[in-house]
N, C-alpha and C. Protein backbone atom coordinates (compact mmCIF):
# COMPACT_ATOMS: atom_id res chain seq x y z
N UNK A 1 134.61 47.80 106.96
CA UNK A 1 133.61 48.73 106.49
C UNK A 1 132.29 48.40 107.17
N UNK A 2 131.64 49.37 107.74
CA UNK A 2 130.38 49.16 108.45
C UNK A 2 129.26 48.85 107.47
N UNK A 3 128.34 47.99 107.88
CA UNK A 3 127.19 47.70 107.03
C UNK A 3 125.94 48.41 107.54
N UNK A 4 126.07 49.21 108.60
CA UNK A 4 124.90 49.86 109.18
C UNK A 4 124.17 50.75 108.19
N UNK A 5 124.90 51.46 107.33
CA UNK A 5 124.26 52.37 106.40
C UNK A 5 123.58 51.61 105.26
N UNK A 6 123.88 50.34 105.09
CA UNK A 6 123.34 49.58 103.99
C UNK A 6 121.99 48.97 104.29
N UNK A 7 121.53 49.05 105.52
CA UNK A 7 120.25 48.47 105.88
C UNK A 7 119.18 49.10 105.00
N UNK A 8 118.29 48.30 104.48
CA UNK A 8 117.28 48.84 103.57
C UNK A 8 116.43 49.89 104.26
N UNK A 9 115.90 50.80 103.46
CA UNK A 9 115.07 51.86 103.96
C UNK A 9 113.89 51.29 104.73
N UNK A 10 113.32 50.27 104.21
CA UNK A 10 112.15 49.71 104.86
C UNK A 10 112.51 49.18 106.23
N UNK A 11 113.68 48.60 106.36
CA UNK A 11 114.13 48.15 107.68
C UNK A 11 114.67 49.32 108.48
N UNK A 12 115.26 50.30 107.82
CA UNK A 12 115.79 51.46 108.54
C UNK A 12 114.66 52.21 109.22
N UNK A 13 113.53 52.30 108.56
CA UNK A 13 112.39 52.93 109.19
C UNK A 13 111.89 52.10 110.37
N UNK A 14 112.34 50.87 110.45
CA UNK A 14 111.93 50.01 111.55
C UNK A 14 112.60 50.41 112.86
N UNK A 15 113.45 51.41 112.85
CA UNK A 15 114.05 51.91 114.09
C UNK A 15 113.49 53.27 114.48
N UNK A 16 112.48 53.74 113.78
CA UNK A 16 111.95 55.07 114.03
C UNK A 16 111.22 55.17 115.38
N UNK A 17 110.34 54.22 115.65
CA UNK A 17 109.62 54.20 116.93
C UNK A 17 109.03 52.83 117.13
N UNK A 18 108.90 52.40 118.37
CA UNK A 18 108.46 51.03 118.66
C UNK A 18 107.01 50.83 118.24
N UNK A 19 106.76 49.85 117.36
CA UNK A 19 105.41 49.56 116.91
C UNK A 19 104.91 48.26 117.48
N UNK A 20 105.79 47.37 117.85
CA UNK A 20 105.39 46.04 118.31
C UNK A 20 104.46 46.11 119.50
N UNK A 21 104.73 47.03 120.42
CA UNK A 21 103.96 47.10 121.64
C UNK A 21 102.91 48.20 121.60
N UNK A 22 102.84 48.95 120.53
CA UNK A 22 101.91 50.06 120.43
C UNK A 22 100.69 49.66 119.61
N UNK A 23 99.52 50.17 119.99
CA UNK A 23 98.35 49.92 119.15
C UNK A 23 98.51 50.65 117.82
N UNK A 24 97.89 50.12 116.78
CA UNK A 24 97.94 50.74 115.47
C UNK A 24 97.05 51.97 115.49
N UNK A 25 97.60 53.16 115.22
CA UNK A 25 96.77 54.38 115.24
C UNK A 25 95.75 54.36 114.10
N UNK A 26 94.60 54.94 114.37
CA UNK A 26 93.60 55.11 113.33
C UNK A 26 92.94 53.81 112.92
N UNK A 27 92.51 53.77 111.67
CA UNK A 27 91.82 52.62 111.09
C UNK A 27 92.80 51.77 110.30
N UNK A 28 92.84 50.49 110.62
CA UNK A 28 93.72 49.58 109.87
C UNK A 28 93.14 49.40 108.47
N UNK A 29 93.95 49.70 107.46
CA UNK A 29 93.53 49.50 106.07
C UNK A 29 93.74 48.07 105.65
N UNK A 30 94.73 47.41 106.25
CA UNK A 30 94.98 46.01 105.95
C UNK A 30 96.43 45.64 106.14
N UNK A 31 96.67 44.34 106.02
CA UNK A 31 98.01 43.78 106.01
C UNK A 31 98.31 43.36 104.59
N UNK A 32 99.46 43.77 104.09
CA UNK A 32 99.79 43.60 102.68
C UNK A 32 101.05 42.75 102.50
N UNK A 33 100.98 41.85 101.54
CA UNK A 33 102.16 41.12 101.10
C UNK A 33 102.83 42.01 100.05
N UNK A 34 104.10 42.33 100.28
CA UNK A 34 104.80 43.27 99.41
C UNK A 34 105.92 42.55 98.67
N UNK A 35 105.99 42.80 97.37
CA UNK A 35 107.09 42.29 96.54
C UNK A 35 107.83 43.51 96.00
N UNK A 36 109.15 43.51 96.16
CA UNK A 36 109.94 44.63 95.64
C UNK A 36 111.05 44.10 94.76
N UNK A 37 111.40 44.89 93.76
CA UNK A 37 112.51 44.55 92.86
C UNK A 37 113.33 45.79 92.58
N UNK A 38 114.63 45.60 92.39
CA UNK A 38 115.51 46.71 92.05
C UNK A 38 115.25 47.11 90.60
N UNK A 39 115.03 48.41 90.37
CA UNK A 39 114.84 48.87 88.99
C UNK A 39 116.10 49.54 88.45
N UNK A 40 116.83 50.27 89.29
CA UNK A 40 118.12 50.84 88.89
C UNK A 40 119.05 50.83 90.10
N UNK A 41 120.36 50.75 89.82
CA UNK A 41 121.34 50.70 90.89
C UNK A 41 122.67 51.25 90.39
N UNK A 42 123.03 52.44 90.86
CA UNK A 42 124.35 52.98 90.51
C UNK A 42 125.35 52.80 91.66
N UNK A 43 124.91 52.18 92.75
CA UNK A 43 125.78 52.00 93.92
C UNK A 43 126.70 50.79 93.79
N UNK A 44 126.30 49.79 93.02
CA UNK A 44 127.13 48.60 92.86
C UNK A 44 126.71 47.48 93.79
N UNK A 45 127.65 46.59 94.04
CA UNK A 45 127.35 45.35 94.76
C UNK A 45 126.92 45.58 96.20
N UNK A 46 127.32 46.68 96.80
CA UNK A 46 126.95 46.94 98.19
C UNK A 46 125.44 47.05 98.35
N UNK A 47 124.74 47.47 97.32
CA UNK A 47 123.29 47.63 97.40
C UNK A 47 122.54 46.32 97.26
N UNK A 48 123.16 45.28 96.74
CA UNK A 48 122.48 44.00 96.57
C UNK A 48 121.98 43.46 97.91
N UNK A 49 122.70 43.72 98.97
CA UNK A 49 122.32 43.22 100.29
C UNK A 49 121.13 43.98 100.87
N UNK A 50 120.76 45.12 100.28
CA UNK A 50 119.67 45.92 100.83
C UNK A 50 118.33 45.62 100.18
N UNK A 51 118.27 44.73 99.20
CA UNK A 51 117.01 44.42 98.52
C UNK A 51 116.08 43.71 99.49
N UNK A 52 114.97 44.35 99.87
CA UNK A 52 114.08 43.72 100.84
C UNK A 52 113.29 42.54 100.28
N UNK A 53 113.20 42.39 98.94
CA UNK A 53 112.49 41.25 98.37
C UNK A 53 111.03 41.23 98.76
N UNK A 54 110.60 40.16 99.43
CA UNK A 54 109.22 40.02 99.87
C UNK A 54 109.12 40.22 101.37
N UNK A 55 108.08 40.91 101.80
CA UNK A 55 107.86 41.14 103.22
C UNK A 55 106.39 41.48 103.42
N UNK A 56 106.00 41.66 104.66
CA UNK A 56 104.62 41.96 105.01
C UNK A 56 104.57 43.27 105.79
N UNK A 57 103.55 44.08 105.54
CA UNK A 57 103.40 45.37 106.22
C UNK A 57 101.93 45.60 106.53
N UNK A 58 101.65 46.20 107.68
CA UNK A 58 100.30 46.63 108.02
C UNK A 58 100.24 48.13 107.85
N UNK A 59 99.18 48.61 107.22
CA UNK A 59 99.01 50.03 106.94
C UNK A 59 97.73 50.51 107.60
N UNK A 60 97.82 51.65 108.30
CA UNK A 60 96.63 52.25 108.91
C UNK A 60 96.54 53.72 108.51
N UNK A 61 95.35 54.29 108.67
CA UNK A 61 95.10 55.68 108.31
C UNK A 61 94.44 56.36 109.50
N UNK A 62 95.06 57.43 109.98
CA UNK A 62 94.52 58.20 111.09
C UNK A 62 94.31 59.63 110.61
N UNK A 63 93.13 59.90 110.02
CA UNK A 63 92.78 61.22 109.53
C UNK A 63 93.81 61.78 108.55
N UNK A 64 94.24 60.95 107.60
CA UNK A 64 95.16 61.38 106.56
C UNK A 64 96.62 61.11 106.86
N UNK A 65 96.95 60.77 108.10
CA UNK A 65 98.31 60.33 108.42
C UNK A 65 98.31 58.81 108.28
N UNK A 66 99.14 58.33 107.37
CA UNK A 66 99.19 56.90 107.09
C UNK A 66 100.42 56.31 107.77
N UNK A 67 100.21 55.21 108.47
CA UNK A 67 101.28 54.53 109.21
C UNK A 67 101.67 53.26 108.50
N UNK A 68 102.96 53.03 108.40
CA UNK A 68 103.56 51.86 107.75
C UNK A 68 104.22 51.05 108.86
N UNK A 69 103.68 49.85 109.14
CA UNK A 69 104.19 48.98 110.21
C UNK A 69 104.78 47.71 109.61
N UNK A 70 106.09 47.57 109.57
CA UNK A 70 106.68 46.31 109.10
C UNK A 70 106.28 45.18 110.05
N UNK A 71 105.83 44.07 109.51
CA UNK A 71 105.40 42.96 110.34
C UNK A 71 106.55 42.05 110.74
N UNK A 72 107.77 42.50 110.50
CA UNK A 72 108.96 41.73 110.85
C UNK A 72 109.41 42.02 112.27
N UNK A 73 108.55 42.68 113.04
CA UNK A 73 108.91 43.02 114.40
C UNK A 73 109.56 44.38 114.51
N UNK A 74 109.56 45.13 113.43
CA UNK A 74 110.18 46.45 113.43
C UNK A 74 109.24 47.51 113.96
N UNK A 75 109.53 48.75 113.63
CA UNK A 75 108.78 49.89 114.12
C UNK A 75 108.14 50.64 112.97
N UNK A 76 107.27 51.57 113.32
CA UNK A 76 106.48 52.26 112.30
C UNK A 76 107.14 53.53 111.81
N UNK A 77 106.61 54.01 110.70
CA UNK A 77 106.92 55.32 110.18
C UNK A 77 105.63 55.85 109.57
N UNK A 78 105.56 57.12 109.27
CA UNK A 78 104.30 57.66 108.77
C UNK A 78 104.53 58.78 107.77
N UNK A 79 103.47 59.03 107.01
CA UNK A 79 103.45 60.11 106.04
C UNK A 79 102.01 60.54 105.82
N UNK A 80 101.82 61.56 105.02
CA UNK A 80 100.48 62.08 104.77
C UNK A 80 99.99 61.61 103.41
N UNK A 81 98.71 61.20 103.38
CA UNK A 81 98.08 60.78 102.12
C UNK A 81 97.45 62.00 101.45
N UNK A 82 97.72 62.16 100.15
CA UNK A 82 97.11 63.29 99.43
C UNK A 82 95.80 62.85 98.79
N UNK A 83 95.15 63.74 98.05
CA UNK A 83 93.84 63.46 97.44
C UNK A 83 93.91 62.34 96.42
N UNK A 84 95.07 62.10 95.83
CA UNK A 84 95.23 61.01 94.85
C UNK A 84 95.56 59.68 95.54
N UNK A 85 95.49 59.64 96.88
CA UNK A 85 95.74 58.45 97.70
C UNK A 85 97.21 58.02 97.67
N UNK A 86 98.10 59.00 97.42
CA UNK A 86 99.53 58.73 97.41
C UNK A 86 100.14 59.18 98.74
N UNK A 87 100.99 58.32 99.28
CA UNK A 87 101.69 58.59 100.53
C UNK A 87 103.18 58.68 100.22
N UNK A 88 103.84 59.72 100.74
CA UNK A 88 105.28 59.84 100.57
C UNK A 88 105.91 59.99 101.95
N UNK A 89 106.94 59.20 102.20
CA UNK A 89 107.66 59.21 103.47
C UNK A 89 109.14 59.38 103.15
N UNK A 90 109.80 60.33 103.80
CA UNK A 90 111.22 60.57 103.57
C UNK A 90 111.97 60.53 104.89
N UNK A 91 113.23 60.15 104.81
CA UNK A 91 114.08 60.12 106.00
C UNK A 91 115.52 60.31 105.57
N UNK A 92 116.33 60.83 106.48
CA UNK A 92 117.76 61.00 106.24
C UNK A 92 118.50 60.29 107.37
N UNK A 93 119.45 59.44 107.00
CA UNK A 93 120.29 58.73 107.96
C UNK A 93 121.74 59.10 107.67
N UNK A 94 122.57 59.14 108.70
CA UNK A 94 123.99 59.39 108.51
C UNK A 94 124.77 58.47 109.44
N UNK A 95 125.92 57.99 108.97
CA UNK A 95 126.71 57.08 109.76
C UNK A 95 128.19 57.20 109.39
N UNK A 96 129.05 57.17 110.40
CA UNK A 96 130.49 57.09 110.17
C UNK A 96 130.78 55.63 109.85
N UNK A 97 131.12 55.33 108.62
CA UNK A 97 131.24 53.94 108.17
C UNK A 97 132.65 53.40 108.22
N UNK A 98 133.61 54.19 108.66
CA UNK A 98 134.98 53.70 108.78
C UNK A 98 135.12 52.80 110.00
N UNK A 99 135.71 51.64 109.79
CA UNK A 99 136.02 50.77 110.91
C UNK A 99 137.11 51.39 111.77
N UNK A 100 137.97 52.15 111.14
CA UNK A 100 139.05 52.84 111.82
C UNK A 100 139.33 54.14 111.08
N UNK A 101 139.80 55.12 111.76
CA UNK A 101 140.13 56.40 111.12
C UNK A 101 141.52 56.37 110.50
N UNK A 102 142.18 55.20 110.50
CA UNK A 102 143.54 55.09 109.99
C UNK A 102 143.59 55.10 108.46
N UNK A 103 142.45 54.92 107.81
CA UNK A 103 142.43 54.86 106.35
C UNK A 103 142.50 56.25 105.74
N UNK A 104 141.61 56.50 104.79
CA UNK A 104 141.62 57.76 104.05
C UNK A 104 141.20 58.94 104.92
N UNK A 105 140.59 58.69 106.03
CA UNK A 105 140.08 59.74 106.90
C UNK A 105 138.64 59.45 107.24
N UNK A 106 138.05 60.28 108.07
CA UNK A 106 136.67 60.05 108.51
C UNK A 106 135.71 60.07 107.31
N UNK A 107 134.89 59.02 107.23
CA UNK A 107 133.90 58.94 106.16
C UNK A 107 132.51 58.82 106.76
N UNK A 108 131.76 59.89 106.70
CA UNK A 108 130.35 59.85 107.09
C UNK A 108 129.54 59.84 105.81
N UNK A 109 128.74 58.77 105.66
CA UNK A 109 127.86 58.68 104.51
C UNK A 109 126.46 59.10 104.95
N UNK A 110 125.83 59.89 104.11
CA UNK A 110 124.46 60.32 104.34
C UNK A 110 123.57 59.59 103.36
N UNK A 111 122.44 59.12 103.86
CA UNK A 111 121.52 58.37 103.02
C UNK A 111 120.16 59.05 103.06
N UNK A 112 119.65 59.48 101.91
CA UNK A 112 118.33 60.09 101.78
C UNK A 112 117.39 59.04 101.21
N UNK A 113 116.38 58.67 101.98
CA UNK A 113 115.45 57.61 101.61
C UNK A 113 114.07 58.19 101.34
N UNK A 114 113.40 57.66 100.32
CA UNK A 114 112.03 58.07 100.01
C UNK A 114 111.21 56.84 99.65
N UNK A 115 110.09 56.71 100.34
CA UNK A 115 109.10 55.66 100.07
C UNK A 115 107.85 56.37 99.60
N UNK A 116 107.33 55.98 98.46
CA UNK A 116 106.12 56.57 97.92
C UNK A 116 105.23 55.46 97.39
N UNK A 117 103.95 55.47 97.80
CA UNK A 117 103.04 54.44 97.31
C UNK A 117 101.64 55.01 97.18
N UNK A 118 100.88 54.46 96.26
CA UNK A 118 99.51 54.88 96.00
C UNK A 118 98.57 53.73 96.31
N UNK A 119 97.63 53.99 97.20
CA UNK A 119 96.66 52.98 97.62
C UNK A 119 95.51 52.91 96.61
N UNK A 120 95.02 51.71 96.36
CA UNK A 120 93.81 51.55 95.57
C UNK A 120 92.64 52.16 96.37
N UNK A 121 91.50 52.34 95.74
CA UNK A 121 90.36 52.92 96.42
C UNK A 121 89.69 51.88 97.32
N UNK A 122 88.87 52.37 98.24
CA UNK A 122 88.11 51.49 99.12
C UNK A 122 88.53 51.62 100.57
N UNK A 123 87.64 51.16 101.47
CA UNK A 123 87.92 51.22 102.90
C UNK A 123 89.08 50.32 103.28
N UNK A 124 89.18 49.17 102.64
CA UNK A 124 90.32 48.26 102.79
C UNK A 124 90.90 48.04 101.40
N UNK A 125 91.76 48.95 100.95
CA UNK A 125 92.27 48.87 99.58
C UNK A 125 92.87 47.51 99.27
N UNK A 126 92.55 46.97 98.11
CA UNK A 126 93.03 45.64 97.73
C UNK A 126 94.51 45.62 97.41
N UNK A 127 95.08 46.79 97.11
CA UNK A 127 96.49 46.80 96.71
C UNK A 127 97.08 48.20 96.79
N UNK A 128 98.38 48.26 96.61
CA UNK A 128 99.06 49.53 96.40
C UNK A 128 100.24 49.27 95.48
N UNK A 129 100.67 50.32 94.80
CA UNK A 129 101.88 50.28 93.98
C UNK A 129 102.75 51.44 94.42
N UNK A 130 104.05 51.26 94.27
CA UNK A 130 104.90 52.34 94.69
C UNK A 130 106.35 52.13 94.38
N UNK A 131 107.16 52.96 95.01
CA UNK A 131 108.60 52.91 94.81
C UNK A 131 109.29 53.28 96.10
N UNK A 132 110.51 52.86 96.17
CA UNK A 132 111.39 53.19 97.28
C UNK A 132 112.75 53.50 96.66
N UNK A 133 113.37 54.56 97.09
CA UNK A 133 114.71 54.88 96.57
C UNK A 133 115.57 55.41 97.70
N UNK A 134 116.87 55.22 97.53
CA UNK A 134 117.80 55.87 98.44
C UNK A 134 119.01 56.35 97.66
N UNK A 135 119.54 57.48 98.12
CA UNK A 135 120.75 58.07 97.56
C UNK A 135 121.78 58.13 98.68
N UNK A 136 122.96 57.63 98.41
CA UNK A 136 124.06 57.65 99.38
C UNK A 136 125.10 58.64 98.88
N UNK A 137 125.50 59.55 99.77
CA UNK A 137 126.53 60.53 99.39
C UNK A 137 127.39 60.85 100.61
N UNK A 138 128.66 61.17 100.36
CA UNK A 138 129.53 61.57 101.47
C UNK A 138 129.03 62.89 102.08
N UNK A 139 129.10 62.98 103.39
CA UNK A 139 128.77 64.24 104.06
C UNK A 139 129.79 65.29 103.65
N UNK A 140 129.44 66.54 103.79
CA UNK A 140 130.35 67.63 103.43
C UNK A 140 131.65 67.49 104.22
N UNK A 141 132.77 67.50 103.50
CA UNK A 141 134.08 67.39 104.11
C UNK A 141 134.56 65.98 104.39
N UNK A 142 133.72 64.98 104.12
CA UNK A 142 134.10 63.59 104.38
C UNK A 142 135.02 63.07 103.29
N UNK A 143 135.96 62.21 103.66
CA UNK A 143 136.84 61.54 102.71
C UNK A 143 136.42 60.08 102.66
N UNK A 144 135.73 59.70 101.61
CA UNK A 144 135.17 58.35 101.51
C UNK A 144 135.80 57.55 100.36
N UNK A 145 137.00 57.90 99.96
CA UNK A 145 137.66 57.20 98.85
C UNK A 145 137.81 55.71 99.15
N UNK A 146 137.98 55.36 100.43
CA UNK A 146 138.15 53.95 100.78
C UNK A 146 136.84 53.16 100.74
N UNK A 147 135.71 53.85 100.52
CA UNK A 147 134.42 53.18 100.41
C UNK A 147 134.09 52.81 98.96
N UNK A 148 134.84 53.38 98.02
CA UNK A 148 134.66 53.07 96.59
C UNK A 148 135.30 51.73 96.26
N UNK A 149 134.76 51.03 95.29
CA UNK A 149 135.32 49.74 94.87
C UNK A 149 136.80 49.89 94.49
N UNK A 150 137.15 51.01 93.88
CA UNK A 150 138.53 51.23 93.49
C UNK A 150 139.46 51.39 94.70
N UNK A 151 138.88 51.69 95.88
CA UNK A 151 139.66 51.83 97.11
C UNK A 151 139.47 50.68 98.07
N UNK A 152 138.85 49.59 97.59
CA UNK A 152 138.63 48.42 98.44
C UNK A 152 137.25 48.36 99.09
N UNK A 153 136.40 49.36 98.83
CA UNK A 153 135.05 49.38 99.41
C UNK A 153 134.03 48.72 98.50
N UNK A 154 132.78 48.92 98.79
CA UNK A 154 131.71 48.26 98.05
C UNK A 154 130.92 49.13 97.10
N UNK A 155 131.17 50.44 97.08
CA UNK A 155 130.40 51.34 96.23
C UNK A 155 131.06 51.51 94.87
N UNK A 156 130.26 51.42 93.81
CA UNK A 156 130.76 51.66 92.46
C UNK A 156 131.09 53.14 92.28
N UNK A 157 130.26 54.01 92.88
CA UNK A 157 130.46 55.45 92.80
C UNK A 157 129.75 56.10 93.97
N UNK A 158 130.16 57.30 94.30
CA UNK A 158 129.50 58.12 95.32
C UNK A 158 129.41 59.54 94.79
N UNK A 159 128.29 60.20 94.84
CA UNK A 159 127.03 59.66 95.31
C UNK A 159 126.47 58.60 94.36
N UNK A 160 125.52 57.83 94.89
CA UNK A 160 124.88 56.80 94.08
C UNK A 160 123.42 56.65 94.51
N UNK A 161 122.64 56.00 93.66
CA UNK A 161 121.21 55.85 93.93
C UNK A 161 120.75 54.44 93.59
N UNK A 162 119.83 53.91 94.41
CA UNK A 162 119.17 52.64 94.14
C UNK A 162 117.67 52.90 94.16
N UNK A 163 116.97 52.40 93.14
CA UNK A 163 115.52 52.54 93.02
C UNK A 163 114.87 51.16 93.00
N UNK A 164 113.76 51.04 93.73
CA UNK A 164 113.00 49.79 93.78
C UNK A 164 111.57 50.07 93.32
N UNK A 165 110.96 49.07 92.71
CA UNK A 165 109.52 49.09 92.44
C UNK A 165 108.87 48.17 93.46
N UNK A 166 107.68 48.54 93.93
CA UNK A 166 106.98 47.75 94.94
C UNK A 166 105.53 47.56 94.54
N UNK A 167 105.01 46.39 94.88
CA UNK A 167 103.59 46.11 94.73
C UNK A 167 103.12 45.43 96.00
N UNK A 168 102.00 45.89 96.55
CA UNK A 168 101.43 45.30 97.75
C UNK A 168 100.05 44.77 97.47
N UNK A 169 99.74 43.59 98.01
CA UNK A 169 98.43 42.96 97.84
C UNK A 169 97.86 42.64 99.21
N UNK A 170 96.59 43.01 99.41
CA UNK A 170 95.90 42.76 100.68
C UNK A 170 95.90 41.26 100.97
N UNK A 171 96.32 40.90 102.18
CA UNK A 171 96.36 39.48 102.55
C UNK A 171 95.02 39.04 103.10
């Protein structure tokens, strides 16, 4: 069973575009120490490996477009900040997770990810609070019975959802 679809959203966004060699667009708001915890999980044990735990991120603002740069050497992603200083970023990933097509049949899992956070006020906000969630579901026509725990896979159920709470503090 492939683990590619299990990569956390925060790391998955790290493949969006190269940030390591690019200048940070706009005004840097700060570098934040982030702590995340799982709040709900209907996916089962397969989601335990996706908990990002603690990490560091640099956030910048370029005329309302907010950039999220993982400091783990990954890449950036962006979203728009509204008047309440909330940023929402969404992405959809899909992957054929079968190691071989000899099992139940082709299984393409689709993952819908959403990161939402609200920045404190100020030019260099002292903190942010937010959430990250992902929902995993079989693509239309996919046979993913072998991905369920009852079929030898790691998912308790499909579709399923994992929700995280996040807090960031300016370093």
